[in-house]
Amino acid sequence: MGANTAESALPDTIQELTDRLTASYANLLTAAVVRDVVQDCYQPLSNARIANYVPILVEHSSRTKLRQLTRRPDATALLREHSDGMRGHSITTA
């Protein structure tokens, strides 16, 4: 049987978004950082009554946060945290 991971719980459209953003930011951020950002943006909308626009809203907010992360002077610290398996709180909205 398959493992119960956070990725398997995501709808296909959100997983596809995660894959696209991971490829777009491959040279700047780790896949774990991108995945965490998308999950953080998706979580508040995961139980939306009308889900038609959820992927668009998640993509917009994810791209905004990812852009902010790549502009931060301590982005390499974020990469080190995630490569060690630790999830930082710096991904949340300021």
N, C-alpha and C. Protein backbone atom coordinates (compact mmCIF):
# COMPACT_ATOMS: atom_id res chain seq x y z
N MET A 1 0.84 -1.19 0.00
CA MET A 1 0.00 0.00 0.00
C MET A 1 0.88 1.24 0.00
N GLY A 2 0.35 2.34 -0.53
CA GLY A 2 1.11 3.57 -0.59
C GLY A 2 1.19 4.27 0.75
N ALA A 3 2.21 5.05 0.89
CA ALA A 3 2.41 5.80 2.13
C ALA A 3 1.42 6.95 2.20
N ASN A 4 1.00 7.29 3.38
CA ASN A 4 0.08 8.41 3.58
C ASN A 4 0.91 9.68 3.76
N THR A 5 1.17 10.36 2.67
CA THR A 5 1.98 11.57 2.71
C THR A 5 1.11 12.78 2.44
N ALA A 6 1.66 13.94 2.74
CA ALA A 6 0.93 15.19 2.49
C ALA A 6 0.67 15.34 0.99
N GLU A 7 1.63 14.91 0.17
CA GLU A 7 1.46 15.04 -1.27
C GLU A 7 0.30 14.20 -1.79
N SER A 8 0.11 13.01 -1.24
CA SER A 8 -0.97 12.16 -1.73
C SER A 8 -2.33 12.72 -1.36
N ALA A 9 -2.40 13.59 -0.35
CA ALA A 9 -3.66 14.19 0.07
C ALA A 9 -4.04 15.40 -0.77
N LEU A 10 -3.11 15.92 -1.55
CA LEU A 10 -3.38 17.10 -2.36
C LEU A 10 -4.15 16.72 -3.62
N PRO A 11 -5.09 17.57 -4.01
CA PRO A 11 -5.77 17.33 -5.29
C PRO A 11 -4.77 17.39 -6.44
N ASP A 12 -5.11 16.75 -7.53
CA ASP A 12 -4.20 16.69 -8.69
C ASP A 12 -3.79 18.07 -9.17
N THR A 13 -4.72 19.02 -9.21
CA THR A 13 -4.38 20.36 -9.71
C THR A 13 -3.35 21.04 -8.82
N ILE A 14 -3.45 20.83 -7.52
CA ILE A 14 -2.48 21.44 -6.60
C ILE A 14 -1.14 20.72 -6.71
N GLN A 15 -1.15 19.42 -6.89
CA GLN A 15 0.10 18.68 -7.08
C GLN A 15 0.78 19.10 -8.38
N GLU A 16 0.00 19.30 -9.44
CA GLU A 16 0.56 19.78 -10.70
C GLU A 16 1.16 21.17 -10.54
N LEU A 17 0.48 22.02 -9.78
CA LEU A 17 1.01 23.35 -9.49
C LEU A 17 2.33 23.24 -8.75
N THR A 18 2.38 22.38 -7.75
CA THR A 18 3.62 22.18 -6.99
C THR A 18 4.74 21.74 -7.91
N ASP A 19 4.46 20.82 -8.81
CA ASP A 19 5.48 20.34 -9.75
C ASP A 19 5.97 21.47 -10.66
N ARG A 20 5.04 22.28 -11.17
CA ARG A 20 5.42 23.40 -12.05
C ARG A 20 6.28 24.41 -11.31
N LEU A 21 5.87 24.77 -10.10
CA LEU A 21 6.63 25.76 -9.33
C LEU A 21 7.98 25.21 -8.91
N THR A 22 8.04 23.93 -8.60
CA THR A 22 9.32 23.30 -8.24
C THR A 22 10.28 23.41 -9.41
N ALA A 23 9.80 23.16 -10.61
CA ALA A 23 10.64 23.28 -11.80
C ALA A 23 11.05 24.74 -12.05
N SER A 24 10.12 25.66 -11.84
CA SER A 24 10.40 27.09 -12.07
C SER A 24 11.45 27.64 -11.10
N TYR A 25 11.42 27.16 -9.88
CA TYR A 25 12.32 27.68 -8.84
C TYR A 25 13.45 26.71 -8.51
N ALA A 26 13.71 25.76 -9.39
CA ALA A 26 14.71 24.71 -9.11
C ALA A 26 16.09 25.28 -8.81
N ASN A 27 16.47 26.36 -9.47
CA ASN A 27 17.80 26.94 -9.26
C ASN A 27 17.87 27.85 -8.04
N LEU A 28 16.71 28.16 -7.45
CA LEU A 28 16.68 29.13 -6.35
C LEU A 28 16.27 28.54 -5.02
N LEU A 29 15.33 27.58 -5.04
CA LEU A 29 14.79 27.01 -3.81
C LEU A 29 14.70 25.49 -3.93
N THR A 30 14.76 24.82 -2.81
CA THR A 30 14.62 23.36 -2.84
C THR A 30 13.16 22.98 -3.08
N ALA A 31 12.96 21.76 -3.52
CA ALA A 31 11.60 21.25 -3.75
C ALA A 31 10.80 21.27 -2.45
N ALA A 32 11.47 21.01 -1.32
CA ALA A 32 10.77 21.01 -0.03
C ALA A 32 10.23 22.38 0.33
N VAL A 33 11.00 23.43 0.03
CA VAL A 33 10.55 24.80 0.31
C VAL A 33 9.32 25.12 -0.54
N VAL A 34 9.40 24.80 -1.82
CA VAL A 34 8.29 25.07 -2.73
C VAL A 34 7.05 24.30 -2.28
N ARG A 35 7.22 23.02 -1.97
CA ARG A 35 6.10 22.19 -1.53
C ARG A 35 5.46 22.77 -0.27
N ASP A 36 6.29 23.21 0.68
CA ASP A 36 5.76 23.78 1.92
C ASP A 36 4.99 25.07 1.68
N VAL A 37 5.50 25.90 0.79
CA VAL A 37 4.81 27.15 0.47
C VAL A 37 3.45 26.85 -0.15
N VAL A 38 3.40 25.95 -1.11
CA VAL A 38 2.13 25.62 -1.77
C VAL A 38 1.16 25.03 -0.75
N GLN A 39 1.63 24.14 0.09
CA GLN A 39 0.76 23.54 1.11
C GLN A 39 0.24 24.60 2.08
N ASP A 40 1.11 25.53 2.48
CA ASP A 40 0.69 26.61 3.38
C ASP A 40 -0.37 27.50 2.73
N CYS A 41 -0.24 27.73 1.44
CA CYS A 41 -1.22 28.56 0.73
C CYS A 41 -2.52 27.79 0.47
N TYR A 42 -2.41 26.50 0.27
CA TYR A 42 -3.59 25.68 -0.01
C TYR A 42 -4.41 25.39 1.25
N GLN A 43 -3.74 25.20 2.36
CA GLN A 43 -4.42 24.76 3.58
C GLN A 43 -5.65 25.58 3.95
N PRO A 44 -5.59 26.91 3.99
CA PRO A 44 -6.78 27.67 4.37
C PRO A 44 -7.94 27.55 3.37
N LEU A 45 -7.63 27.16 2.15
CA LEU A 45 -8.65 27.06 1.11
C LEU A 45 -9.09 25.63 0.84
N SER A 46 -8.53 24.68 1.56
CA SER A 46 -8.76 23.26 1.26
C SER A 46 -10.21 22.83 1.45
N ASN A 47 -10.96 23.53 2.27
CA ASN A 47 -12.37 23.18 2.49
C ASN A 47 -13.33 24.21 1.92
N ALA A 48 -12.88 24.91 0.90
CA ALA A 48 -13.73 25.94 0.29
C ALA A 48 -14.99 25.31 -0.28
N ARG A 49 -16.11 25.99 -0.08
CA ARG A 49 -17.39 25.47 -0.58
C ARG A 49 -17.43 25.51 -2.11
N ILE A 50 -16.84 26.52 -2.69
CA ILE A 50 -16.76 26.62 -4.15
C ILE A 50 -15.28 26.53 -4.51
N ALA A 51 -14.89 25.40 -5.04
CA ALA A 51 -13.46 25.11 -5.25
C ALA A 51 -12.93 25.48 -6.62
N ASN A 52 -13.76 26.06 -7.47
CA ASN A 52 -13.35 26.36 -8.84
C ASN A 52 -12.10 27.23 -8.92
N TYR A 53 -12.00 28.22 -8.06
CA TYR A 53 -10.90 29.18 -8.14
C TYR A 53 -9.77 28.89 -7.17
N VAL A 54 -9.88 27.84 -6.39
CA VAL A 54 -8.85 27.53 -5.40
C VAL A 54 -7.48 27.37 -6.04
N PRO A 55 -7.32 26.59 -7.12
CA PRO A 55 -5.98 26.46 -7.71
C PRO A 55 -5.39 27.79 -8.17
N ILE A 56 -6.21 28.67 -8.71
CA ILE A 56 -5.73 29.98 -9.17
C ILE A 56 -5.28 30.82 -7.97
N LEU A 57 -6.07 30.81 -6.91
CA LEU A 57 -5.71 31.57 -5.72
C LEU A 57 -4.44 31.01 -5.06
N VAL A 58 -4.33 29.70 -5.02
CA VAL A 58 -3.14 29.07 -4.44
C VAL A 58 -1.91 29.41 -5.28
N GLU A 59 -2.04 29.37 -6.59
CA GLU A 59 -0.90 29.69 -7.45
C GLU A 59 -0.46 31.14 -7.26
N HIS A 60 -1.41 32.05 -7.22
CA HIS A 60 -1.08 33.46 -7.05
C HIS A 60 -0.36 33.71 -5.72
N SER A 61 -0.92 33.20 -4.64
CA SER A 61 -0.29 33.45 -3.34
C SER A 61 1.04 32.70 -3.21
N SER A 62 1.14 31.51 -3.80
CA SER A 62 2.40 30.76 -3.76
C SER A 62 3.50 31.49 -4.51
N ARG A 63 3.18 31.97 -5.70
CA ARG A 63 4.19 32.70 -6.47
C ARG A 63 4.65 33.97 -5.75
N THR A 64 3.71 34.65 -5.11
CA THR A 64 4.06 35.85 -4.36
C THR A 64 5.02 35.50 -3.23
N LYS A 65 4.73 34.47 -2.47
CA LYS A 65 5.60 34.07 -1.36
C LYS A 65 6.95 33.56 -1.84
N LEU A 66 6.94 32.81 -2.93
CA LEU A 66 8.20 32.30 -3.46
C LEU A 66 9.09 33.44 -3.97
N ARG A 67 8.48 34.43 -4.61
CA ARG A 67 9.25 35.61 -5.04
C ARG A 67 9.86 36.32 -3.84
N GLN A 68 9.08 36.46 -2.78
CA GLN A 68 9.58 37.10 -1.57
C GLN A 68 10.75 36.30 -0.98
N LEU A 69 10.63 35.01 -0.97
CA LEU A 69 11.70 34.16 -0.42
C LEU A 69 12.99 34.29 -1.22
N THR A 70 12.87 34.39 -2.54
CA THR A 70 14.08 34.47 -3.37
C THR A 70 14.74 35.84 -3.25
N ARG A 71 14.03 36.83 -2.79
CA ARG A 71 14.61 38.17 -2.61
C ARG A 71 15.24 38.36 -1.25
N ARG A 72 14.99 37.44 -0.33
CA ARG A 72 15.50 37.58 1.04
C ARG A 72 17.00 37.31 1.08
N PRO A 73 17.72 38.10 1.87
CA PRO A 73 19.17 37.88 1.97
C PRO A 73 19.50 36.57 2.68
N ASP A 74 18.58 36.03 3.47
CA ASP A 74 18.86 34.78 4.20
C ASP A 74 18.24 33.57 3.51
N ALA A 75 18.05 33.63 2.20
CA ALA A 75 17.44 32.51 1.47
C ALA A 75 18.29 31.26 1.58
N THR A 76 19.60 31.41 1.66
CA THR A 76 20.45 30.22 1.79
C THR A 76 20.23 29.54 3.13
N ALA A 77 19.89 30.31 4.16
CA ALA A 77 19.58 29.70 5.46
C ALA A 77 18.32 28.86 5.35
N LEU A 78 17.35 29.34 4.60
CA LEU A 78 16.13 28.57 4.38
C LEU A 78 16.43 27.27 3.66
N LEU A 79 17.31 27.33 2.68
CA LEU A 79 17.68 26.12 1.95
C LEU A 79 18.34 25.12 2.88
N ARG A 80 19.23 25.60 3.76
CA ARG A 80 19.90 24.71 4.71
C ARG A 80 18.90 24.09 5.67
N GLU A 81 17.95 24.87 6.18
CA GLU A 81 16.95 24.36 7.11
C GLU A 81 16.17 23.22 6.48
N HIS A 82 15.74 23.42 5.24
CA HIS A 82 14.92 22.41 4.59
C HIS A 82 15.73 21.20 4.17
N SER A 83 17.00 21.40 3.85
CA SER A 83 17.81 20.24 3.49
C SER A 83 18.10 19.39 4.71
N ASP A 84 18.04 19.98 5.90
CA ASP A 84 18.22 19.23 7.14
C ASP A 84 16.92 18.59 7.60
N GLY A 85 15.82 18.84 6.90
CA GLY A 85 14.54 18.26 7.25
C GLY A 85 13.75 19.09 8.25
N MET A 86 14.22 20.28 8.54
CA MET A 86 13.52 21.14 9.48
C MET A 86 12.66 22.13 8.70
N ARG A 87 11.46 22.36 9.17
CA ARG A 87 10.58 23.31 8.51
C ARG A 87 10.58 24.60 9.29
N GLY A 88 11.01 25.68 8.63
CA GLY A 88 11.07 26.98 9.29
C GLY A 88 9.73 27.68 9.27
N HIS A 89 9.59 28.66 10.12
CA HIS A 89 8.37 29.45 10.17
C HIS A 89 8.47 30.69 9.31
N SER A 90 9.54 30.84 8.60
CA SER A 90 9.76 32.03 7.80
C SER A 90 8.92 32.04 6.53
N ILE A 91 8.17 30.99 6.27
CA ILE A 91 7.37 30.91 5.06
C ILE A 91 6.03 31.63 5.25
N THR A 92 5.63 31.86 6.46
CA THR A 92 4.34 32.48 6.70
C THR A 92 4.34 33.94 6.31
N THR A 93 3.16 34.50 6.14
CA THR A 93 3.01 35.89 5.75
C THR A 93 3.46 36.80 6.86
N ALA A 94 4.20 37.82 6.48
CA ALA A 94 4.70 38.78 7.47
C ALA A 94 3.63 39.78 7.80
